[in-house]
C-alpha atoms as a PDB file:
ATOM      1  CA  MET A   1      52.241  66.255 156.419  1.00  0.00           C
ATOM      2  CA  LYS A   2      54.771  64.172 156.361  1.00  0.00           C
ATOM      3  CA  ARG A   3      54.165  62.990 152.664  1.00  0.00           C
ATOM      4  CA  ALA A   4      53.627  66.663 151.632  1.00  0.00           C
ATOM      5  CA  ARG A   5      57.071  67.543 152.902  1.00  0.00           C
ATOM      6  CA  ARG A   6      58.895  64.374 151.630  1.00  0.00           C
ATOM      7  CA  PHE A   7      57.028  65.653 148.358  1.00  0.00           C
ATOM      8  CA  SER A   8      58.577  68.701 148.793  1.00  0.00           C
ATOM      9  CA  ASN A   9      61.741  67.726 149.452  1.00  0.00           C
ATOM     10  CA  LEU A  10      61.674  65.404 146.362  1.00  0.00           C
ATOM     11  CA  ILE A  11      60.646  68.197 144.317  1.00  0.00           C
ATOM     12  CA  LEU A  12      64.224  70.733 145.866  1.00  0.00           C
ATOM     13  CA  TRP A  13      66.439  67.861 145.445  1.00  0.00           C
ATOM     14  CA  SER A  14      65.290  67.516 142.215  1.00  0.00           C
ATOM     15  CA  SER A  15      65.251  70.631 140.819  1.00  0.00           C
ATOM     16  CA  VAL A  16      68.909  71.264 142.196  1.00  0.00           C
ATOM     17  CA  LEU A  17      69.878  67.929 140.588  1.00  0.00           C
ATOM     18  CA  LEU A  18      68.453  69.203 137.279  1.00  0.00           C
ATOM     19  CA  LEU A  19      70.110  72.749 137.747  1.00  0.00           C
ATOM     20  CA  ALA A  20      73.437  71.196 138.523  1.00  0.00           C
ATOM     21  CA  ALA A  21      72.860  68.738 135.191  1.00  0.00           C
ATOM     22  CA  ALA A  22      71.962  72.016 133.457  1.00  0.00           C
ATOM     23  CA  LEU A  23      74.966  73.605 134.567  1.00  0.00           C
ATOM     24  CA  GLY A  24      77.108  70.687 133.948  1.00  0.00           C
ATOM     25  CA  LEU A  25      76.105  70.679 130.460  1.00  0.00           C
ATOM     26  CA  ILE A  26      76.659  74.752 130.186  1.00  0.00           C
ATOM     27  CA  VAL A  27      80.310  74.047 131.375  1.00  0.00           C
ATOM     28  CA  ALA A  28      81.082  70.797 129.167  1.00  0.00           C
ATOM     29  CA  GLN A  29      79.923  73.087 126.170  1.00  0.00           C
ATOM     30  CA  GLY A  30      81.912  75.770 127.321  1.00  0.00           C
ATOM     31  CA  ILE A  31      85.075  73.798 127.931  1.00  0.00           C
ATOM     32  CA  ARG A  32      84.622  72.401 124.103  1.00  0.00           C
ATOM     33  CA  THR A  33      84.038  75.560 122.606  1.00  0.00           C
ATOM     34  CA  LEU A  34      87.567  76.462 124.186  1.00  0.00           C
ATOM     35  CA  VAL A  35      89.244  72.807 123.355  1.00  0.00           C
ATOM     36  CA  THR A  36      87.654  73.145 119.967  1.00  0.00           C
ATOM     37  CA  PRO A  37      89.492  75.199 116.630  1.00  0.00           C
ATOM     38  CA  ALA A  38      86.756  77.356 115.141  1.00  0.00           C
ATOM     39  CA  GLY A  39      87.446  76.198 111.525  1.00  0.00           C
ATOM     40  CA  ARG A  40      89.907  76.659 108.972  1.00  0.00           C
ATOM     41  CA  GLY A  41      91.007  79.233 106.423  1.00  0.00           C
ATOM     42  CA  ASP A  42      94.040  81.740 106.395  1.00  0.00           C
ATOM     43  CA  PRO A  43      95.486  83.632 109.284  1.00  0.00           C
ATOM     44  CA  ARG A  44      93.890  86.622 110.195  1.00  0.00           C
ATOM     45  CA  LEU A  45      95.489  89.769 111.451  1.00  0.00           C
ATOM     46  CA  VAL A  46      94.232  90.904 114.658  1.00  0.00           C
ATOM     47  CA  ARG A  47      94.926  94.594 115.876  1.00  0.00           C
ATOM     48  CA  ILE A  48      93.962  95.049 119.823  1.00  0.00           C
ATOM     49  CA  SER A  49      93.993  98.269 121.270  1.00  0.00           C
ATOM     50  CA  PRO A  50      95.682  99.289 124.651  1.00  0.00           C
ATOM     51  CA  GLY A  51      92.988  99.480 127.235  1.00  0.00           C
ATOM     52  CA  GLN A  52      90.384  97.263 124.923  1.00  0.00           C
ATOM     53  CA  SER A  53      88.213  95.220 127.825  1.00  0.00           C
ATOM     54  CA  VAL A  54      88.262  91.247 127.490  1.00  0.00           C
ATOM     55  CA  SER A  55      84.924  90.938 126.499  1.00  0.00           C
ATOM     56  CA  ASP A  56      85.248  93.428 123.521  1.00  0.00           C
ATOM     57  CA  VAL A  57      88.300  91.268 122.402  1.00  0.00           C
ATOM     58  CA  ALA A  58      86.509  88.310 122.877  1.00  0.00           C
ATOM     59  CA  HIS A  59      83.700  89.614 120.985  1.00  0.00           C
ATOM     60  CA  MET A  60      86.135  90.578 117.860  1.00  0.00           C
ATOM     61  CA  LEU A  61      87.050  87.220 117.897  1.00  0.00           C
ATOM     62  CA  TRP A  62      84.190  86.113 117.780  1.00  0.00           C
ATOM     63  CA  GLN A  63      82.894  87.910 114.727  1.00  0.00           C
ATOM     64  CA  LEU A  64      86.159  87.121 112.607  1.00  0.00           C
ATOM     65  CA  GLY A  65      85.044  83.839 113.161  1.00  0.00           C
ATOM     66  CA  LEU A  66      88.273  82.659 115.298  1.00  0.00           C
ATOM     67  CA  ILE A  67      86.475  81.558 118.251  1.00  0.00           C
ATOM     68  CA  GLN A  68      83.287  79.411 119.030  1.00  0.00           C
ATOM     69  CA  ASP A  69      82.200  81.355 122.082  1.00  0.00           C
ATOM     70  CA  ASP A  70      82.954  85.136 123.320  1.00  0.00           C
ATOM     71  CA  ASN A  71      81.476  84.249 126.956  1.00  0.00           C
ATOM     72  CA  ALA A  72      83.862  81.253 126.999  1.00  0.00           C
ATOM     73  CA  LEU A  73      86.868  82.843 126.227  1.00  0.00           C
ATOM     74  CA  VAL A  74      85.901  85.686 128.872  1.00  0.00           C
ATOM     75  CA  ALA A  75      85.560  83.315 131.285  1.00  0.00           C
ATOM     76  CA  ALA A  76      88.530  81.211 130.664  1.00  0.00           C
ATOM     77  CA  ALA A  77      90.636  84.441 131.148  1.00  0.00           C
ATOM     78  CA  TYR A  78      89.283  85.462 134.126  1.00  0.00           C
ATOM     79  CA  LEU A  79      89.682  82.464 135.808  1.00  0.00           C
ATOM     80  CA  THR A  80      93.398  81.372 134.067  1.00  0.00           C
ATOM     81  CA  GLY A  81      94.158  85.278 135.386  1.00  0.00           C
ATOM     82  CA  LYS A  82      95.253  85.835 132.091  1.00  0.00           C
ATOM     83  CA  TRP A  83      92.993  88.820 131.363  1.00  0.00           C
ATOM     84  CA  ARG A  84      95.785  90.681 132.688  1.00  0.00           C
ATOM     85  CA  ASP A  85      98.425  89.362 130.085  1.00  0.00           C
ATOM     86  CA  ILE A  86      96.594  90.095 126.654  1.00  0.00           C
ATOM     87  CA  GLN A  87      99.171  92.251 125.117  1.00  0.00           C
ATOM     88  CA  ALA A  88      97.918  95.274 122.385  1.00  0.00           C
ATOM     89  CA  GLY A  89      99.183  95.394 119.340  1.00  0.00           C
ATOM     90  CA  ARG A  90      99.087  93.340 115.704  1.00  0.00           C
ATOM     91  CA  HIS A  91      98.746  89.677 116.463  1.00  0.00           C
ATOM     92  CA  GLU A  92      98.598  86.816 113.601  1.00  0.00           C
ATOM     93  CA  LEU A  93      95.931  84.426 114.565  1.00  0.00           C
ATOM     94  CA  ASP A  94      94.655  81.210 112.737  1.00  0.00           C
ATOM     95  CA  PRO A  95      91.250  79.738 112.810  1.00  0.00           C
ATOM     96  CA  GLY A  96      92.922  76.232 112.923  1.00  0.00           C
ATOM     97  CA  MET A  97      93.916  77.251 117.030  1.00  0.00           C
ATOM     98  CA  THR A  98      92.217  76.158 119.724  1.00  0.00           C
ATOM     99  CA  ALA A  99      90.224  79.369 121.837  1.00  0.00           C
ATOM    100  CA  LEU A 100      92.868  78.479 124.588  1.00  0.00           C
ATOM    101  CA  GLU A 101      95.502  78.556 122.197  1.00  0.00           C
ATOM    102  CA  ILE A 102      94.154  81.735 120.841  1.00  0.00           C
ATOM    103  CA  LEU A 103      94.515  82.847 124.462  1.00  0.00           C
ATOM    104  CA  ASP A 104      97.951  82.297 124.653  1.00  0.00           C
ATOM    105  CA  ALA A 105      98.909  83.914 121.766  1.00  0.00           C
ATOM    106  CA  LEU A 106      97.235  87.004 122.572  1.00  0.00           C
ATOM    107  CA  CYS A 107      99.232  86.757 125.870  1.00  0.00           C
ATOM    108  CA  ARG A 108     102.716  85.952 124.724  1.00  0.00           C
ATOM    109  CA  GLY A 109     102.327  88.160 121.425  1.00  0.00           C
ATOM    110  CA  SER A 110     101.737  86.438 118.316  1.00  0.00           C
ATOM    111  CA  ARG A 111     104.259  87.059 115.845  1.00  0.00           C
ATOM    112  CA  THR A 112     102.763  88.741 112.747  1.00  0.00           C
ATOM    113  CA  ALA A 113     103.529  88.258 109.158  1.00  0.00           C
ATOM    114  CA  TRP A 114     105.510  90.696 107.487  1.00  0.00           C
ATOM    115  CA  ARG A 115     107.672  91.831 104.517  1.00  0.00           C
ATOM    116  CA  TRP A 116     110.495  94.286 103.511  1.00  0.00           C
ATOM    117  CA  LEU A 117     110.042  97.016 101.780  1.00  0.00           C
ATOM    118  CA  VAL A 118     112.816  98.382 100.163  1.00  0.00           C
ATOM    119  CA  ILE A 119     112.544 102.146  98.986  1.00  0.00           C
ATOM    120  CA  PRO A 120     116.675 103.455  97.364  1.00  0.00           C
ATOM    121  CA  GLU A 121     117.685 107.286  97.680  1.00  0.00           C
ATOM    122  CA  GLY A 122     116.504 108.898  94.347  1.00  0.00           C
ATOM    123  CA  HIS A 123     113.258 107.251  93.740  1.00  0.00           C
ATOM    124  CA  ALA A 124     110.346 109.625  92.730  1.00  0.00           C
ATOM    125  CA  LEU A 125     107.147 109.147  94.173  1.00  0.00           C
ATOM    126  CA  ALA A 126     105.794 107.035  91.057  1.00  0.00           C
ATOM    127  CA  GLU A 127     108.901 104.629  91.581  1.00  0.00           C
ATOM    128  CA  VAL A 128     108.378 104.297  95.280  1.00  0.00           C
ATOM    129  CA  ALA A 129     104.296 103.531  94.768  1.00  0.00           C
ATOM    130  CA  ALA A 130     105.998 100.844  92.387  1.00  0.00           C
ATOM    131  CA  CYS A 131     108.371  99.061  94.853  1.00  0.00           C
ATOM    132  CA  MET A 132     105.071  98.829  97.444  1.00  0.00           C
ATOM    133  CA  GLU A 133     103.159  97.188  94.686  1.00  0.00           C
ATOM    134  CA  GLU A 134     105.686  94.779  93.517  1.00  0.00           C
ATOM    135  CA  ALA A 135     106.028  93.583  97.006  1.00  0.00           C
ATOM    136  CA  GLY A 136     102.838  92.484  96.870  1.00  0.00           C
ATOM    137  CA  LEU A 137     102.294  95.059  99.975  1.00  0.00           C
ATOM    138  CA  GLY A 138      99.127  97.143  98.294  1.00  0.00           C
ATOM    139  CA  ASP A 139      97.941  98.990  95.182  1.00  0.00           C
ATOM    140  CA  ALA A 140     100.226 101.553  93.250  1.00  0.00           C
ATOM    141  CA  ALA A 141      97.079 103.598  92.251  1.00  0.00           C
ATOM    142  CA  GLU A 142      95.547 103.933  95.483  1.00  0.00           C
ATOM    143  CA  PHE A 143      99.409 104.975  97.140  1.00  0.00           C
ATOM    144  CA  LEU A 144      99.417 107.293  94.571  1.00  0.00           C
ATOM    145  CA  HIS A 145      95.915 109.304  95.136  1.00  0.00           C
ATOM    146  CA  LEU A 146      96.563 109.314  98.813  1.00  0.00           C
ATOM    147  CA  ALA A 147     100.305 110.773  98.498  1.00  0.00           C
ATOM    148  CA  ARG A 148      99.359 113.417  96.048  1.00  0.00           C
ATOM    149  CA  HIS A 149      96.956 114.740  99.595  1.00  0.00           C
ATOM    150  CA  ALA A 150      99.719 115.352 101.710  1.00  0.00           C
ATOM    151  CA  ALA A 151      97.103 117.266 103.853  1.00  0.00           C
ATOM    152  CA  ALA A 152      95.359 114.754 104.517  1.00  0.00           C
ATOM    153  CA  PHE A 153      98.374 113.569 107.005  1.00  0.00           C
ATOM    154  CA  GLU A 154      99.308 114.930 110.731  1.00  0.00           C
ATOM    155  CA  VAL A 155     102.859 115.246 111.363  1.00  0.00           C
ATOM    156  CA  ALA A 156     104.886 117.347 113.349  1.00  0.00           C
ATOM    157  CA  PHE A 157     107.040 118.825 110.600  1.00  0.00           C
ATOM    158  CA  PRO A 158     105.577 121.246 107.993  1.00  0.00           C
ATOM    159  CA  LEU A 159     104.032 119.224 105.302  1.00  0.00           C
ATOM    160  CA  PRO A 160     102.925 121.084 101.526  1.00  0.00           C
ATOM    161  CA  LYS A 161      99.039 120.314 100.775  1.00  0.00           C
ATOM    162  CA  ASP A 162      99.486 118.491  97.579  1.00  0.00           C
ATOM    163  CA  SER A 163     102.462 115.919  97.090  1.00  0.00           C
ATOM    164  CA  LEU A 164     104.761 113.969  99.303  1.00  0.00           C
ATOM    165  CA  GLU A 165     107.179 114.111  96.551  1.00  0.00           C
ATOM    166  CA  GLY A 166     110.624 113.837  98.715  1.00  0.00           C
ATOM    167  CA  TYR A 167     109.157 113.298 101.742  1.00  0.00           C
ATOM    168  CA  LEU A 168     109.169 109.707 101.879  1.00  0.00           C
ATOM    169  CA  PHE A 169     112.338 108.515 103.416  1.00  0.00           C
ATOM    170  CA  PRO A 170     114.303 105.748 101.409  1.00  0.00           C
ATOM    171  CA  ASP A 171     114.928 102.936 103.675  1.00  0.00           C
ATOM    172  CA  THR A 172     113.965  99.237 104.395  1.00  0.00           C
ATOM    173  CA  TYR A 173     111.033  99.215 106.111  1.00  0.00           C
ATOM    174  CA  ARG A 174     109.439  96.024 107.607  1.00  0.00           C
ATOM    175  CA  VAL A 175     105.638  95.870 106.707  1.00  0.00           C
ATOM    176  CA  ASP A 176     103.275  93.828 108.410  1.00  0.00           C
ATOM    177  CA  ALA A 177     100.547  91.816 107.207  1.00  0.00           C
ATOM    178  CA  GLY A 178      97.469  93.750 106.824  1.00  0.00           C
ATOM    179  CA  GLU A 179      98.410  96.985 106.766  1.00  0.00           C
ATOM    180  CA  GLY A 180      97.519  98.923 103.723  1.00  0.00           C
ATOM    181  CA  GLU A 181      99.036 101.773 101.777  1.00  0.00           C
ATOM    182  CA  ARG A 182      98.011 104.763 104.313  1.00  0.00           C
ATOM    183  CA  ASP A 183      99.444 102.699 107.024  1.00  0.00           C
ATOM    184  CA  ILE A 184     103.137 102.396 104.877  1.00  0.00           C
ATOM    185  CA  LEU A 185     102.917 106.428 104.029  1.00  0.00           C
ATOM    186  CA  VAL A 186     102.333 107.255 107.441  1.00  0.00           C
ATOM    187  CA  GLN A 187     105.710 104.692 108.518  1.00  0.00           C
ATOM    188  CA  MET A 188     107.410 106.375 105.835  1.00  0.00           C
ATOM    189  CA  LEU A 189     106.846 109.720 107.425  1.00  0.00           C
ATOM    190  CA  ARG A 190     107.614 108.557 110.631  1.00  0.00           C
ATOM    191  CA  ARG A 191     111.334 107.543 109.211  1.00  0.00           C
ATOM    192  CA  PHE A 192     111.626 110.863 107.955  1.00  0.00           C
ATOM    193  CA  GLU A 193     110.391 112.883 111.044  1.00  0.00           C
ATOM    194  CA  HIS A 194     112.556 110.889 113.143  1.00  0.00           C
ATOM    195  CA  VAL A 195     115.999 111.220 110.668  1.00  0.00           C
ATOM    196  CA  VAL A 196     115.379 114.654 109.078  1.00  0.00           C
ATOM    197  CA  TRP A 197     113.351 116.574 111.638  1.00  0.00           C
ATOM    198  CA  ASP A 198     114.544 115.756 114.600  1.00  0.00           C
ATOM    199  CA  GLY A 199     117.914 114.001 113.618  1.00  0.00           C
ATOM    200  CA  LEU A 200     119.385 116.632 110.980  1.00  0.00           C
ATOM    201  CA  PHE A 201     117.156 119.670 111.317  1.00  0.00           C
ATOM    202  CA  ASP A 202     116.869 118.909 115.412  1.00  0.00           C
ATOM    203  CA  GLY A 203     112.749 120.000 115.196  1.00  0.00           C
ATOM    204  CA  THR A 204     113.211 123.284 113.686  1.00  0.00           C
ATOM    205  CA  SER A 205     112.026 124.571 110.103  1.00  0.00           C
ATOM    206  CA  THR A 206     114.631 126.092 109.038  1.00  0.00           C
ATOM    207  CA  TYR A 207     118.752 125.432 109.066  1.00  0.00           C
ATOM    208  CA  ARG A 208     120.936 128.331 108.856  1.00  0.00           C
ATOM    209  CA  GLY A 209     118.254 130.451 107.408  1.00  0.00           C
ATOM    210  CA  ARG A 210     117.395 128.295 104.766  1.00  0.00           C
ATOM    211  CA  THR A 211     113.790 126.349 105.265  1.00  0.00           C
ATOM    212  CA  LEU A 212     113.135 123.046 105.189  1.00  0.00           C
ATOM    213  CA  ARG A 213     111.517 122.667 101.921  1.00  0.00           C
ATOM    214  CA  ASP A 214     114.474 125.059  99.998  1.00  0.00           C
ATOM    215  CA  ILE A 215     116.788 122.014 101.239  1.00  0.00           C
ATOM    216  CA  LEU A 216     114.790 119.289 100.640  1.00  0.00           C
ATOM    217  CA  ILE A 217     114.498 120.627  97.126  1.00  0.00           C
ATOM    218  CA  LEU A 218     118.253 121.163  96.716  1.00  0.00           C
ATOM    219  CA  ALA A 219     118.978 117.797  98.079  1.00  0.00           C
ATOM    220  CA  SER A 220     116.522 115.901  95.558  1.00  0.00           C
ATOM    221  CA  MET A 221     118.878 117.472  92.923  1.00  0.00           C
ATOM    222  CA  VAL A 222     121.879 116.534  94.163  1.00  0.00           C
ATOM    223  CA  GLU A 223     120.625 112.940  94.606  1.00  0.00           C
ATOM    224  CA  GLU A 224     119.572 112.448  91.125  1.00  0.00           C
ATOM    225  CA  GLU A 225     122.741 114.128  90.018  1.00  0.00           C
ATOM    226  CA  ALA A 226     126.035 112.860  92.129  1.00  0.00           C
ATOM    227  CA  LYS A 227     126.579 109.692  91.299  1.00  0.00           C
ATOM    228  CA  VAL A 228     129.898 109.351  93.510  1.00  0.00           C
ATOM    229  CA  ASP A 229     129.652 110.643  97.502  1.00  0.00           C
ATOM    230  CA  GLU A 230     132.823 113.237  97.385  1.00  0.00           C
ATOM    231  CA  ASP A 231     130.379 115.107  94.493  1.00  0.00           C
ATOM    232  CA  ARG A 232     127.641 115.520  96.784  1.00  0.00           C
ATOM    233  CA  ALA A 233     128.432 118.491  98.641  1.00  0.00           C
ATOM    234  CA  VAL A 234     130.457 120.107  95.538  1.00  0.00           C
ATOM    235  CA  ILE A 235     127.094 119.559  93.578  1.00  0.00           C
ATOM    236  CA  ALA A 236     125.310 121.416  96.106  1.00  0.00           C
ATOM    237  CA  GLY A 237     127.560 124.472  96.265  1.00  0.00           C
ATOM    238  CA  VAL A 238     127.362 124.765  92.576  1.00  0.00           C
ATOM    239  CA  LEU A 239     123.720 124.829  92.828  1.00  0.00           C
ATOM    240  CA  VAL A 240     124.038 127.168  95.513  1.00  0.00           C
ATOM    241  CA  ASN A 241     126.441 129.126  94.009  1.00  0.00           C
ATOM    242  CA  ARG A 242     123.722 129.419  90.757  1.00  0.00           C
ATOM    243  CA  LEU A 243     121.324 131.021  93.176  1.00  0.00           C
ATOM    244  CA  ARG A 244     123.165 133.107  94.453  1.00  0.00           C
ATOM    245  CA  ARG A 245     124.151 134.903  91.093  1.00  0.00           C
ATOM    246  CA  GLY A 246     120.622 134.593  90.227  1.00  0.00           C
ATOM    247  CA  GLN A 247     121.873 132.120  86.961  1.00  0.00           C
ATOM    248  CA  ARG A 248     119.111 129.733  85.704  1.00  0.00           C
ATOM    249  CA  LEU A 249     120.310 126.249  87.690  1.00  0.00           C
ATOM    250  CA  GLU A 250     120.061 124.206  84.526  1.00  0.00           C
ATOM    251  CA  CYS A 251     119.792 121.060  86.543  1.00  0.00           C
ATOM    252  CA  ASP A 252     119.305 117.898  83.875  1.00  0.00           C
ATOM    253  CA  ALA A 253     117.265 115.918  86.502  1.00  0.00           C
ATOM    254  CA  THR A 254     114.664 118.221  86.889  1.00  0.00           C
ATOM    255  CA  VAL A 255     114.024 118.291  83.295  1.00  0.00           C
ATOM    256  CA  GLN A 256     113.570 114.172  83.274  1.00  0.00           C
ATOM    257  CA  TYR A 257     111.304 115.082  86.400  1.00  0.00           C
ATOM    258  CA  ALA A 258     109.451 117.425  84.344  1.00  0.00           C
ATOM    259  CA  LEU A 259     109.196 114.349  80.933  1.00  0.00           C
ATOM    260  CA  GLY A 260     107.918 112.308  83.861  1.00  0.00           C
ATOM    261  CA  ASP A 261     106.853 108.906  82.489  1.00  0.00           C
ATOM    262  CA  LYS A 262     109.284 109.846  78.895  1.00  0.00           C
ATOM    263  CA  ARG A 263     112.557 109.982  81.104  1.00  0.00           C
ATOM    264  CA  LYS A 264     115.689 109.819  78.653  1.00  0.00           C
ATOM    265  CA  SER A 265     119.069 108.247  78.679  1.00  0.00           C
ATOM    266  CA  ARG A 266     120.332 111.182  77.125  1.00  0.00           C
ATOM    267  CA  LEU A 267     118.465 114.634  77.305  1.00  0.00           C
ATOM    268  CA  THR A 268     117.865 116.740  73.396  1.00  0.00           C
ATOM    269  CA  HIS A 269     117.631 120.320  73.016  1.00  0.00           C
ATOM    270  CA  GLU A 270     114.094 119.876  72.297  1.00  0.00           C
ATOM    271  CA  ASP A 271     113.869 118.211  75.642  1.00  0.00           C
ATOM    272  CA  LEU A 272     115.511 121.195  77.235  1.00  0.00           C
ATOM    273  CA  SER A 273     112.900 123.371  75.830  1.00  0.00           C
ATOM    274  CA  VAL A 274     109.520 121.285  77.614  1.00  0.00           C
ATOM    275  CA  GLU A 275     107.540 124.014  79.641  1.00  0.00           C
ATOM    276  CA  SER A 276     107.073 122.894  83.065  1.00  0.00           C
ATOM    277  CA  GLU A 277     107.822 124.632  86.441  1.00  0.00           C
ATOM    278  CA  TYR A 278     110.066 122.001  86.860  1.00  0.00           C
ATOM    279  CA  ASN A 279     112.770 122.739  83.583  1.00  0.00           C
ATOM    280  CA  THR A 280     115.373 124.359  85.603  1.00  0.00           C
ATOM    281  CA  TYR A 281     116.833 125.604  81.896  1.00  0.00           C
ATOM    282  CA  LEU A 282     113.581 127.782  81.183  1.00  0.00           C
ATOM    283  CA  HIS A 283     112.876 128.885  85.071  1.00  0.00           C
ATOM    284  CA  PRO A 284     114.595 130.624  87.747  1.00  0.00           C
ATOM    285  CA  GLY A 285     115.575 129.570  91.036  1.00  0.00           C
ATOM    286  CA  LEU A 286     114.445 126.400  92.531  1.00  0.00           C
ATOM    287  CA  PRO A 287     111.906 124.304  90.933  1.00  0.00           C
ATOM    288  CA  PRO A 288     108.455 124.420  93.160  1.00  0.00           C
ATOM    289  CA  GLY A 289     109.271 121.132  94.759  1.00  0.00           C
ATOM    290  CA  PRO A 290     111.473 118.060  95.117  1.00  0.00           C
ATOM    291  CA  ILE A 291     111.969 115.944  92.327  1.00  0.00           C
ATOM    292  CA  CYS A 292     112.920 112.399  94.141  1.00  0.00           C
ATOM    293  CA  SER A 293     112.922 111.290  97.878  1.00  0.00           C
ATOM    294  CA  PRO A 294     116.604 112.451  99.075  1.00  0.00           C
ATOM    295  CA  GLY A 295     118.864 109.970 101.423  1.00  0.00           C
ATOM    296  CA  GLU A 296     120.684 111.360 104.307  1.00  0.00           C
ATOM    297  CA  ALA A 297     124.038 111.930 102.375  1.00  0.00           C
ATOM    298  CA  SER A 298     122.636 114.180  99.940  1.00  0.00           C
ATOM    299  CA  LEU A 299     120.769 115.864 102.794  1.00  0.00           C
ATOM    300  CA  ARG A 300     123.456 116.932 104.465  1.00  0.00           C
ATOM    301  CA  ALA A 301     125.331 117.876 101.473  1.00  0.00           C
ATOM    302  CA  ALA A 302     122.205 120.410 100.843  1.00  0.00           C
ATOM    303  CA  MET A 303     122.487 121.423 104.414  1.00  0.00           C
ATOM    304  CA  ASP A 304     125.902 122.305 104.755  1.00  0.00           C
ATOM    305  CA  PRO A 305     126.987 123.062 100.954  1.00  0.00           C
ATOM    306  CA  ALA A 306     130.718 123.171  99.921  1.00  0.00           C
ATOM    307  CA  GLU A 307     132.505 126.896  99.575  1.00  0.00           C
ATOM    308  CA  VAL A 308     133.510 126.336  95.953  1.00  0.00           C
ATOM    309  CA  PRO A 309     134.251 128.432  93.318  1.00  0.00           C
ATOM    310  CA  TYR A 310     132.349 126.521  90.803  1.00  0.00           C
ATOM    311  CA  LEU A 311     129.435 127.042  88.204  1.00  0.00           C
ATOM    312  CA  TYR A 312     129.553 124.249  86.250  1.00  0.00           C
ATOM    313  CA  TYR A 313     129.816 120.644  86.392  1.00  0.00           C
ATOM    314  CA  VAL A 314     129.454 117.790  83.730  1.00  0.00           C
ATOM    315  CA  ALA A 315     129.593 114.130  84.004  1.00  0.00           C
ATOM    316  CA  ARG A 316     132.215 112.101  83.410  1.00  0.00           C
ATOM    317  CA  ALA A 317     131.635 108.073  82.049  1.00  0.00           C
ATOM    318  CA  ASP A 318     132.440 106.833  85.549  1.00  0.00           C
ATOM    319  CA  GLY A 319     129.443 108.946  87.097  1.00  0.00           C
ATOM    320  CA  SER A 320     131.982 111.489  88.478  1.00  0.00           C
ATOM    321  CA  HIS A 321     131.540 114.948  87.639  1.00  0.00           C
ATOM    322  CA  VAL A 322     134.275 117.519  85.767  1.00  0.00           C
ATOM    323  CA  PHE A 323     133.402 121.101  88.010  1.00  0.00           C
ATOM    324  CA  SER A 324     134.144 124.393  86.204  1.00  0.00           C
ATOM    325  CA  ARG A 325     134.673 128.495  86.845  1.00  0.00           C
ATOM    326  CA  THR A 326     133.763 129.988  83.883  1.00  0.00           C
ATOM    327  CA  PHE A 327     131.467 128.802  80.439  1.00  0.00           C
ATOM    328  CA  ALA A 328     134.733 128.693  78.476  1.00  0.00           C
ATOM    329  CA  GLU A 329     136.153 126.157  81.187  1.00  0.00           C
ATOM    330  CA  HIS A 330     132.722 124.114  81.072  1.00  0.00           C
ATOM    331  CA  GLN A 331     132.762 123.967  77.256  1.00  0.00           C
ATOM    332  CA  ALA A 332     136.393 122.317  77.220  1.00  0.00           C
ATOM    333  CA  ALA A 333     135.277 120.256  80.085  1.00  0.00           C
ATOM    334  CA  ILE A 334     132.664 118.616  77.946  1.00  0.00           C
ATOM    335  CA  ALA A 335     134.473 118.387  75.098  1.00  0.00           C
ATOM    336  CA  ARG A 336     137.228 116.370  76.763  1.00  0.00           C
ATOM    337  CA  VAL A 337     134.753 114.027  78.441  1.00  0.00           C
ATOM    338  CA  ARG A 338     132.797 113.263  75.062  1.00  0.00           C
ATOM    339  CA  SER A 339     136.252 112.949  73.635  1.00  0.00           C
ATOM    340  CA  GLY A 340     137.273 110.099  75.797  1.00  0.00           C
ATOM    341  CA  ARG A 341     140.014 111.880  77.811  1.00  0.00           C
END
């Protein structure tokens, strides 16, 4: 009887020791995976959503090859209490980091790689796409494809169904690594919403009886025509005067836009006859859409044009303009500008 009891105790203690040894091996293996990098390679941009669980985050990191064991990371997060401190957002993580280093990085907020994207005032949609591609941030063709389907974007302000021309606010943007063409477009639209819709229009679709789109179209023409800040409101006033009188706007910038890739330093009479809805020498009223992305100064000028008696203007060599009341005065001004007087 005593021998049987001793034998049972021996088996029990042997089982306990084996179990302890097995647990020790598991813990040791888990610790090893936490302090050993998963591998090598380029940094990965990881996006963590607000409210995402620790287990989901760990599983995503394991799928990306950034950690060796997702369960070990979950255990470490709970044992250290760091599961409460993991920050939502973008994190740039290196496969050469250990799992514990990655956990620390997720808690303090890793610095993501980013680049500056500069979009000058007056750039048309194709030029914005070219800037984006030249900055190494995406493909111009894909950018244009997305930008020509405005209905796919949800914003607080009214958008046309076709093109985002004019709605991509010119500014300097910080673009995080991993962001695609659509992300960049969304960022530009949000900037437009902040500066124009909320800032200038106070969240309303009209200003003094004129729609956002009409003002945006006029502002795009002012942006292309004005080279001197002092001329912006006056040029806007001239264009508004012609609209009120039912005169064709005869704006060279709209013809240049109609020419597309065939833009010229100086337009010919043949160019002024090109058939296009954007040719304001042929068609009365505003063109059907903006011809570029206007800056804030041109938008303000279009919103509050100067009260002037002029109906014509011609550019001097320095970019400033001579304004005239009548066609005869305009012809004389052209002659003086061409002669250098």
